[in-house]
Amino acid sequence: TVGTVDILAGESSSFDAITLSHVIEHVHEPVQLLQAV
């Protein structure tokens, strides 16, 4: 899917694993990113 994690704002408890390889250093709000994960 083209976009960021904000696209999945309506989902929860959907994945067994989530990976972020050299991603967190590129975002403006890393706290919000980890909360979404």
All heavy atoms as atom14 arrays in JSON, in Angstrom:
{
  "sequence": "TVGTVDILAGESSSFDAITLSHVIEHVHEPVQLLQAV",
  "atom14_mask": [
    [1, 1, 1, 1, 1, 1, 1, 0, 0, 0, 0, 0, 0, 0],
    [1, 1, 1, 1, 1, 1, 1, 0, 0, 0, 0, 0, 0, 0],
    [1, 1, 1, 1, 0, 0, 0, 0, 0, 0, 0, 0, 0, 0],
    [1, 1, 1, 1, 1, 1, 1, 0, 0, 0, 0, 0, 0, 0],
    [1, 1, 1, 1, 1, 1, 1, 0, 0, 0, 0, 0, 0, 0],
    [1, 1, 1, 1, 1, 1, 1, 1, 0, 0, 0, 0, 0, 0],
    [1, 1, 1, 1, 1, 1, 1, 1, 0, 0, 0, 0, 0, 0],
    [1, 1, 1, 1, 1, 1, 1, 1, 0, 0, 0, 0, 0, 0],
    [1, 1, 1, 1, 1, 0, 0, 0, 0, 0, 0, 0, 0, 0],
    [1, 1, 1, 1, 0, 0, 0, 0, 0, 0, 0, 0, 0, 0],
    [1, 1, 1, 1, 1, 1, 1, 1, 1, 0, 0, 0, 0, 0],
    [1, 1, 1, 1, 1, 1, 0, 0, 0, 0, 0, 0, 0, 0],
    [1, 1, 1, 1, 1, 1, 0, 0, 0, 0, 0, 0, 0, 0],
    [1, 1, 1, 1, 1, 1, 0, 0, 0, 0, 0, 0, 0, 0],
    [1, 1, 1, 1, 1, 1, 1, 1, 1, 1, 1, 0, 0, 0],
    [1, 1, 1, 1, 1, 1, 1, 1, 0, 0, 0, 0, 0, 0],
    [1, 1, 1, 1, 1, 0, 0, 0, 0, 0, 0, 0, 0, 0],
    [1, 1, 1, 1, 1, 1, 1, 1, 0, 0, 0, 0, 0, 0],
    [1, 1, 1, 1, 1, 1, 1, 0, 0, 0, 0, 0, 0, 0],
    [1, 1, 1, 1, 1, 1, 1, 1, 0, 0, 0, 0, 0, 0],
    [1, 1, 1, 1, 1, 1, 0, 0, 0, 0, 0, 0, 0, 0],
    [1, 1, 1, 1, 1, 1, 1, 1, 1, 1, 0, 0, 0, 0],
    [1, 1, 1, 1, 1, 1, 1, 0, 0, 0, 0, 0, 0, 0],
    [1, 1, 1, 1, 1, 1, 1, 1, 0, 0, 0, 0, 0, 0],
    [1, 1, 1, 1, 1, 1, 1, 1, 1, 0, 0, 0, 0, 0],
    [1, 1, 1, 1, 1, 1, 1, 1, 1, 1, 0, 0, 0, 0],
    [1, 1, 1, 1, 1, 1, 1, 0, 0, 0, 0, 0, 0, 0],
    [1, 1, 1, 1, 1, 1, 1, 1, 1, 1, 0, 0, 0, 0],
    [1, 1, 1, 1, 1, 1, 1, 1, 1, 0, 0, 0, 0, 0],
    [1, 1, 1, 1, 1, 1, 1, 0, 0, 0, 0, 0, 0, 0],
    [1, 1, 1, 1, 1, 1, 1, 0, 0, 0, 0, 0, 0, 0],
    [1, 1, 1, 1, 1, 1, 1, 1, 1, 0, 0, 0, 0, 0],
    [1, 1, 1, 1, 1, 1, 1, 1, 0, 0, 0, 0, 0, 0],
    [1, 1, 1, 1, 1, 1, 1, 1, 0, 0, 0, 0, 0, 0],
    [1, 1, 1, 1, 1, 1, 1, 1, 1, 0, 0, 0, 0, 0],
    [1, 1, 1, 1, 1, 0, 0, 0, 0, 0, 0, 0, 0, 0],
    [1, 1, 1, 1, 1, 1, 1, 0, 0, 0, 0, 0, 0, 0]
  ],
  "atom14_positions": [
    [[0.85, -1.19, 0.0], [0.0, 0.0, 0.0], [0.88, 1.23, 0.0], [1.86, 1.31, 0.75], [-0.91, 0.02, 1.24], [-1.75, -1.14, 1.23], [-1.77, 1.27, 1.27], [0.0, 0.0, 0.0], [0.0, 0.0, 0.0], [0.0, 0.0, 0.0], [0.0, 0.0, 0.0], [0.0, 0.0, 0.0], [0.0, 0.0, 0.0], [0.0, 0.0, 0.0]],
    [[0.56, 2.2, -0.85], [1.32, 3.45, -0.9], [0.86, 4.34, 0.25], [-0.33, 4.64, 0.37], [1.14, 4.17, -2.24], [1.87, 5.51, -2.24], [1.64, 3.31, -3.38], [0.0, 0.0, 0.0], [0.0, 0.0, 0.0], [0.0, 0.0, 0.0], [0.0, 0.0, 0.0], [0.0, 0.0, 0.0], [0.0, 0.0, 0.0], [0.0, 0.0, 0.0]],
    [[1.8, 4.77, 1.07], [1.47, 5.65, 2.17], [2.25, 5.31, 3.42], [3.2, 4.53, 3.4], [0.0, 0.0, 0.0], [0.0, 0.0, 0.0], [0.0, 0.0, 0.0], [0.0, 0.0, 0.0], [0.0, 0.0, 0.0], [0.0, 0.0, 0.0], [0.0, 0.0, 0.0], [0.0, 0.0, 0.0], [0.0, 0.0, 0.0], [0.0, 0.0, 0.0]],
    [[1.82, 5.89, 4.53], [2.47, 5.69, 5.82], [1.54, 4.91, 6.73], [0.42, 4.53, 6.35], [2.82, 7.03, 6.47], [1.61, 7.72, 6.81], [3.64, 7.91, 5.52], [0.0, 0.0, 0.0], [0.0, 0.0, 0.0], [0.0, 0.0, 0.0], [0.0, 0.0, 0.0], [0.0, 0.0, 0.0], [0.0, 0.0, 0.0], [0.0, 0.0, 0.0]],
    [[1.97, 4.71, 7.96], [1.19, 3.93, 8.91], [-0.14, 4.6, 9.23], [-1.08, 3.93, 9.72], [2.03, 3.7, 10.19], [2.14, 4.98, 10.99], [1.46, 2.57, 11.04], [0.0, 0.0, 0.0], [0.0, 0.0, 0.0], [0.0, 0.0, 0.0], [0.0, 0.0, 0.0], [0.0, 0.0, 0.0], [0.0, 0.0, 0.0], [0.0, 0.0, 0.0]],
    [[-0.27, 5.88, 8.93], [-1.54, 6.59, 9.19], [-2.69, 5.97, 8.41], [-3.86, 6.08, 8.82], [-1.41, 8.07, 8.81], [-0.4, 8.81, 9.68], [-0.17, 8.35, 10.82], [0.16, 9.82, 9.23], [0.0, 0.0, 0.0], [0.0, 0.0, 0.0], [0.0, 0.0, 0.0], [0.0, 0.0, 0.0], [0.0, 0.0, 0.0], [0.0, 0.0, 0.0]],
    [[-2.4, 5.32, 7.29], [-3.44, 4.69, 6.48], [-4.16, 3.6, 7.27], [-5.33, 3.31, 7.04], [-2.83, 4.12, 5.19], [-2.42, 5.27, 4.26], [-3.77, 3.16, 4.48], [-1.77, 4.84, 2.99], [0.0, 0.0, 0.0], [0.0, 0.0, 0.0], [0.0, 0.0, 0.0], [0.0, 0.0, 0.0], [0.0, 0.0, 0.0], [0.0, 0.0, 0.0]],
    [[-3.45, 2.99, 8.24], [-4.01, 1.9, 9.03], [-4.57, 2.38, 10.36], [-4.67, 1.61, 11.31], [-2.94, 0.83, 9.27], [-2.3, 0.24, 8.0], [-1.21, -0.74, 8.38], [-3.35, -0.42, 7.13], [0.0, 0.0, 0.0], [0.0, 0.0, 0.0], [0.0, 0.0, 0.0], [0.0, 0.0, 0.0], [0.0, 0.0, 0.0], [0.0, 0.0, 0.0]],
    [[-4.95, 3.65, 10.42], [-5.41, 4.23, 11.69], [-6.64, 3.51, 12.24], [-6.86, 3.5, 13.46], [-5.71, 5.72, 11.5], [0.0, 0.0, 0.0], [0.0, 0.0, 0.0], [0.0, 0.0, 0.0], [0.0, 0.0, 0.0], [0.0, 0.0, 0.0], [0.0, 0.0, 0.0], [0.0, 0.0, 0.0], [0.0, 0.0, 0.0], [0.0, 0.0, 0.0]],
    [[-7.44, 2.91, 11.38], [-8.66, 2.24, 11.84], [-8.46, 0.81, 12.27], [-9.41, 0.13, 12.68], [0.0, 0.0, 0.0], [0.0, 0.0, 0.0], [0.0, 0.0, 0.0], [0.0, 0.0, 0.0], [0.0, 0.0, 0.0], [0.0, 0.0, 0.0], [0.0, 0.0, 0.0], [0.0, 0.0, 0.0], [0.0, 0.0, 0.0], [0.0, 0.0, 0.0]],
    [[-7.22, 0.27, 12.17], [-6.97, -1.12, 12.5], [-6.27, -1.26, 13.85], [-5.59, -0.34, 14.31], [-6.1, -1.78, 11.42], [-6.77, -1.91, 10.07], [-6.0, -2.82, 9.13], [-5.41, -3.81, 9.64], [-5.97, -2.55, 7.93], [0.0, 0.0, 0.0], [0.0, 0.0, 0.0], [0.0, 0.0, 0.0], [0.0, 0.0, 0.0], [0.0, 0.0, 0.0]],
    [[-6.42, -2.43, 14.46], [-5.71, -2.74, 15.7], [-5.59, -4.26, 15.82], [-6.42, -5.01, 15.28], [-6.44, -2.17, 16.92], [-7.73, -2.72, 17.05], [0.0, 0.0, 0.0], [0.0, 0.0, 0.0], [0.0, 0.0, 0.0], [0.0, 0.0, 0.0], [0.0, 0.0, 0.0], [0.0, 0.0, 0.0], [0.0, 0.0, 0.0], [0.0, 0.0, 0.0]],
    [[-4.53, -4.7, 16.51], [-4.28, -6.13, 16.74], [-4.39, -6.93, 15.45], [-5.04, -7.98, 15.4], [-5.25, -6.67, 17.81], [-5.08, -5.99, 19.03], [0.0, 0.0, 0.0], [0.0, 0.0, 0.0], [0.0, 0.0, 0.0], [0.0, 0.0, 0.0], [0.0, 0.0, 0.0], [0.0, 0.0, 0.0], [0.0, 0.0, 0.0], [0.0, 0.0, 0.0]],
    [[-3.73, -6.44, 14.39], [-3.87, -7.04, 13.07], [-2.67, -7.87, 12.62], [-2.79, -8.67, 11.69], [-4.12, -5.94, 12.02], [-5.3, -5.21, 12.3], [0.0, 0.0, 0.0], [0.0, 0.0, 0.0], [0.0, 0.0, 0.0], [0.0, 0.0, 0.0], [0.0, 0.0, 0.0], [0.0, 0.0, 0.0], [0.0, 0.0, 0.0], [0.0, 0.0, 0.0]],
    [[-1.5, -7.68, 13.26], [-0.28, -8.31, 12.77], [0.47, -9.02, 13.89], [0.44, -8.61, 15.04], [0.64, -7.26, 12.12], [0.02, -6.56, 10.94], [-0.62, -5.35, 11.1], [0.06, -7.14, 9.69], [-1.2, -4.7, 10.02], [-0.52, -6.52, 8.6], [-1.15, -5.29, 8.76], [0.0, 0.0, 0.0], [0.0, 0.0, 0.0], [0.0, 0.0, 0.0]],
    [[1.16, -10.09, 13.5], [1.98, -10.84, 14.44], [3.41, -10.31, 14.5], [4.13, -10.56, 15.47], [2.0, -12.32, 14.04], [0.62, -12.92, 14.03], [0.11, -13.26, 15.11], [0.03, -13.03, 12.93], [0.0, 0.0, 0.0], [0.0, 0.0, 0.0], [0.0, 0.0, 0.0], [0.0, 0.0, 0.0], [0.0, 0.0, 0.0], [0.0, 0.0, 0.0]],
    [[3.83, -9.61, 13.45], [5.17, -9.01, 13.41], [5.11, -7.76, 12.55], [4.41, -7.7, 11.55], [6.19, -9.99, 12.84], [0.0, 0.0, 0.0], [0.0, 0.0, 0.0], [0.0, 0.0, 0.0], [0.0, 0.0, 0.0], [0.0, 0.0, 0.0], [0.0, 0.0, 0.0], [0.0, 0.0, 0.0], [0.0, 0.0, 0.0], [0.0, 0.0, 0.0]],
    [[5.88, -6.74, 12.98], [6.02, -5.5, 12.22], [7.5, -5.16, 12.19], [8.18, -5.21, 13.23], [5.21, -4.34, 12.83], [3.71, -4.65, 12.79], [5.5, -3.03, 12.11], [2.82, -3.58, 13.42], [0.0, 0.0, 0.0], [0.0, 0.0, 0.0], [0.0, 0.0, 0.0], [0.0, 0.0, 0.0], [0.0, 0.0, 0.0], [0.0, 0.0, 0.0]],
    [[8.01, -4.81, 11.02], [9.43, -4.51, 10.89], [9.63, -3.09, 10.38], [8.88, -2.61, 9.52], [10.14, -5.51, 9.96], [9.57, -5.44, 8.65], [10.01, -6.93, 10.49], [0.0, 0.0, 0.0], [0.0, 0.0, 0.0], [0.0, 0.0, 0.0], [0.0, 0.0, 0.0], [0.0, 0.0, 0.0], [0.0, 0.0, 0.0], [0.0, 0.0, 0.0]],
    [[10.66, -2.43, 10.93], [11.04, -1.08, 10.53], [12.56, -1.06, 10.35], [13.31, -0.91, 11.33], [10.63, -0.04, 11.58], [9.14, 0.05, 11.95], [8.88, -0.72, 13.24], [8.73, 1.5, 12.11], [0.0, 0.0, 0.0], [0.0, 0.0, 0.0], [0.0, 0.0, 0.0], [0.0, 0.0, 0.0], [0.0, 0.0, 0.0], [0.0, 0.0, 0.0]],
    [[13.01, -1.25, 9.13], [14.44, -1.25, 8.84], [14.83, 0.11, 8.29], [14.47, 0.47, 7.17], [14.77, -2.35, 7.83], [16.16, -2.35, 7.55], [0.0, 0.0, 0.0], [0.0, 0.0, 0.0], [0.0, 0.0, 0.0], [0.0, 0.0, 0.0], [0.0, 0.0, 0.0], [0.0, 0.0, 0.0], [0.0, 0.0, 0.0], [0.0, 0.0, 0.0]],
    [[15.55, 0.88, 9.08], [15.99, 2.22, 8.72], [14.81, 3.08, 8.28], [14.79, 3.65, 7.19], [17.09, 2.14, 7.66], [18.35, 1.55, 8.22], [19.35, 2.3, 8.79], [18.73, 0.25, 8.37], [20.3, 1.5, 9.23], [19.94, 0.25, 9.0], [0.0, 0.0, 0.0], [0.0, 0.0, 0.0], [0.0, 0.0, 0.0], [0.0, 0.0, 0.0]],
    [[13.83, 3.14, 9.19], [12.62, 3.92, 8.97], [12.44, 4.96, 10.06], [12.16, 6.13, 9.78], [11.38, 2.99, 8.92], [10.09, 3.8, 8.98], [11.39, 2.14, 7.66], [0.0, 0.0, 0.0], [0.0, 0.0, 0.0], [0.0, 0.0, 0.0], [0.0, 0.0, 0.0], [0.0, 0.0, 0.0], [0.0, 0.0, 0.0], [0.0, 0.0, 0.0]],
    [[12.62, 4.57, 11.33], [12.26, 5.45, 12.44], [13.05, 6.74, 12.44], [12.58, 7.78, 12.91], [12.4, 4.7, 13.78], [11.67, 5.46, 14.89], [13.86, 4.42, 14.13], [11.54, 4.69, 16.18], [0.0, 0.0, 0.0], [0.0, 0.0, 0.0], [0.0, 0.0, 0.0], [0.0, 0.0, 0.0], [0.0, 0.0, 0.0], [0.0, 0.0, 0.0]],
    [[14.26, 6.72, 11.88], [15.09, 7.94, 11.85], [14.59, 8.95, 10.81], [15.04, 10.1, 10.79], [16.55, 7.6, 11.58], [16.85, 7.01, 10.23], [16.8, 5.48, 10.23], [16.12, 4.91, 11.11], [17.44, 4.87, 9.35], [0.0, 0.0, 0.0], [0.0, 0.0, 0.0], [0.0, 0.0, 0.0], [0.0, 0.0, 0.0], [0.0, 0.0, 0.0]],
    [[13.65, 8.52, 9.94], [13.16, 9.4, 8.88], [11.83, 10.08, 9.22], [11.36, 10.9, 8.43], [12.96, 8.59, 7.59], [14.24, 8.1, 6.99], [15.05, 8.87, 6.19], [14.86, 6.89, 7.09], [16.11, 8.17, 5.82], [16.02, 6.96, 6.34], [0.0, 0.0, 0.0], [0.0, 0.0, 0.0], [0.0, 0.0, 0.0], [0.0, 0.0, 0.0]],
    [[11.2, 9.75, 10.33], [9.86, 10.26, 10.61], [9.92, 11.44, 11.57], [10.82, 11.55, 12.4], [8.94, 9.15, 11.17], [8.83, 7.98, 10.21], [9.44, 8.68, 12.53], [0.0, 0.0, 0.0], [0.0, 0.0, 0.0], [0.0, 0.0, 0.0], [0.0, 0.0, 0.0], [0.0, 0.0, 0.0], [0.0, 0.0, 0.0], [0.0, 0.0, 0.0]],
    [[8.92, 12.31, 11.44], [8.87, 13.5, 12.3], [8.42, 13.17, 13.72], [8.82, 13.87, 14.66], [7.91, 14.53, 11.69], [8.44, 15.17, 10.44], [9.27, 16.26, 10.45], [8.25, 14.85, 9.13], [9.57, 16.61, 9.21], [8.96, 15.77, 8.39], [0.0, 0.0, 0.0], [0.0, 0.0, 0.0], [0.0, 0.0, 0.0], [0.0, 0.0, 0.0]],
    [[7.6, 12.14, 13.87], [7.04, 11.81, 15.19], [7.3, 10.35, 15.52], [6.4, 9.5, 15.39], [5.53, 12.1, 15.21], [5.17, 13.56, 14.97], [5.57, 14.46, 16.13], [5.88, 13.92, 17.21], [5.58, 15.69, 15.94], [0.0, 0.0, 0.0], [0.0, 0.0, 0.0], [0.0, 0.0, 0.0], [0.0, 0.0, 0.0], [0.0, 0.0, 0.0]],
    [[8.5, 9.99, 15.94], [8.8, 8.58, 16.24], [7.97, 8.02, 17.37], [7.66, 6.82, 17.39], [10.29, 8.6, 16.58], [10.62, 10.01, 16.92], [9.7, 10.85, 16.1], [0.0, 0.0, 0.0], [0.0, 0.0, 0.0], [0.0, 0.0, 0.0], [0.0, 0.0, 0.0], [0.0, 0.0, 0.0], [0.0, 0.0, 0.0], [0.0, 0.0, 0.0]],
    [[7.57, 8.86, 18.32], [6.73, 8.38, 19.42], [5.39, 7.91, 18.89], [4.91, 6.81, 19.21], [6.52, 9.49, 20.48], [5.54, 9.02, 21.55], [7.86, 9.86, 21.12], [0.0, 0.0, 0.0], [0.0, 0.0, 0.0], [0.0, 0.0, 0.0], [0.0, 0.0, 0.0], [0.0, 0.0, 0.0], [0.0, 0.0, 0.0], [0.0, 0.0, 0.0]],
    [[4.78, 8.71, 18.04], [3.49, 8.33, 17.46], [3.62, 7.08, 16.58], [2.71, 6.24, 16.55], [2.92, 9.49, 16.65], [2.53, 10.7, 17.5], [1.97, 11.84, 16.68], [1.67, 11.69, 15.49], [1.83, 13.0, 17.3], [0.0, 0.0, 0.0], [0.0, 0.0, 0.0], [0.0, 0.0, 0.0], [0.0, 0.0, 0.0], [0.0, 0.0, 0.0]],
    [[4.74, 6.95, 15.89], [4.97, 5.76, 15.06], [4.98, 4.5, 15.92], [4.31, 3.51, 15.59], [6.28, 5.89, 14.3], [6.72, 4.65, 13.51], [5.7, 4.29, 12.44], [8.09, 4.87, 12.9], [0.0, 0.0, 0.0], [0.0, 0.0, 0.0], [0.0, 0.0, 0.0], [0.0, 0.0, 0.0], [0.0, 0.0, 0.0], [0.0, 0.0, 0.0]],
    [[5.72, 4.51, 17.02], [5.79, 3.33, 17.88], [4.45, 3.05, 18.55], [4.09, 1.88, 18.76], [6.89, 3.49, 18.92], [8.31, 3.43, 18.39], [9.3, 3.52, 19.54], [8.55, 2.16, 17.58], [0.0, 0.0, 0.0], [0.0, 0.0, 0.0], [0.0, 0.0, 0.0], [0.0, 0.0, 0.0], [0.0, 0.0, 0.0], [0.0, 0.0, 0.0]],
    [[3.71, 4.08, 18.88], [2.37, 3.86, 19.44], [1.46, 3.2, 18.42], [0.65, 2.32, 18.77], [1.79, 5.2, 19.91], [2.48, 5.77, 21.15], [2.03, 7.18, 21.48], [1.4, 7.87, 20.66], [2.35, 7.63, 22.69], [0.0, 0.0, 0.0], [0.0, 0.0, 0.0], [0.0, 0.0, 0.0], [0.0, 0.0, 0.0], [0.0, 0.0, 0.0]],
    [[1.58, 3.6, 17.16], [0.78, 2.98, 16.1], [1.19, 1.53, 15.9], [0.33, 0.65, 15.71], [0.94, 3.77, 14.8], [0.0, 0.0, 0.0], [0.0, 0.0, 0.0], [0.0, 0.0, 0.0], [0.0, 0.0, 0.0], [0.0, 0.0, 0.0], [0.0, 0.0, 0.0], [0.0, 0.0, 0.0], [0.0, 0.0, 0.0], [0.0, 0.0, 0.0]],
    [[2.49, 1.26, 15.93], [2.98, -0.12, 15.8], [2.44, -0.98, 16.93], [1.98, -2.11, 16.72], [4.52, -0.14, 15.78], [5.05, -1.55, 15.93], [5.05, 0.49, 14.5], [0.0, 0.0, 0.0], [0.0, 0.0, 0.0], [0.0, 0.0, 0.0], [0.0, 0.0, 0.0], [0.0, 0.0, 0.0], [0.0, 0.0, 0.0], [0.0, 0.0, 0.0]]
  ]
}
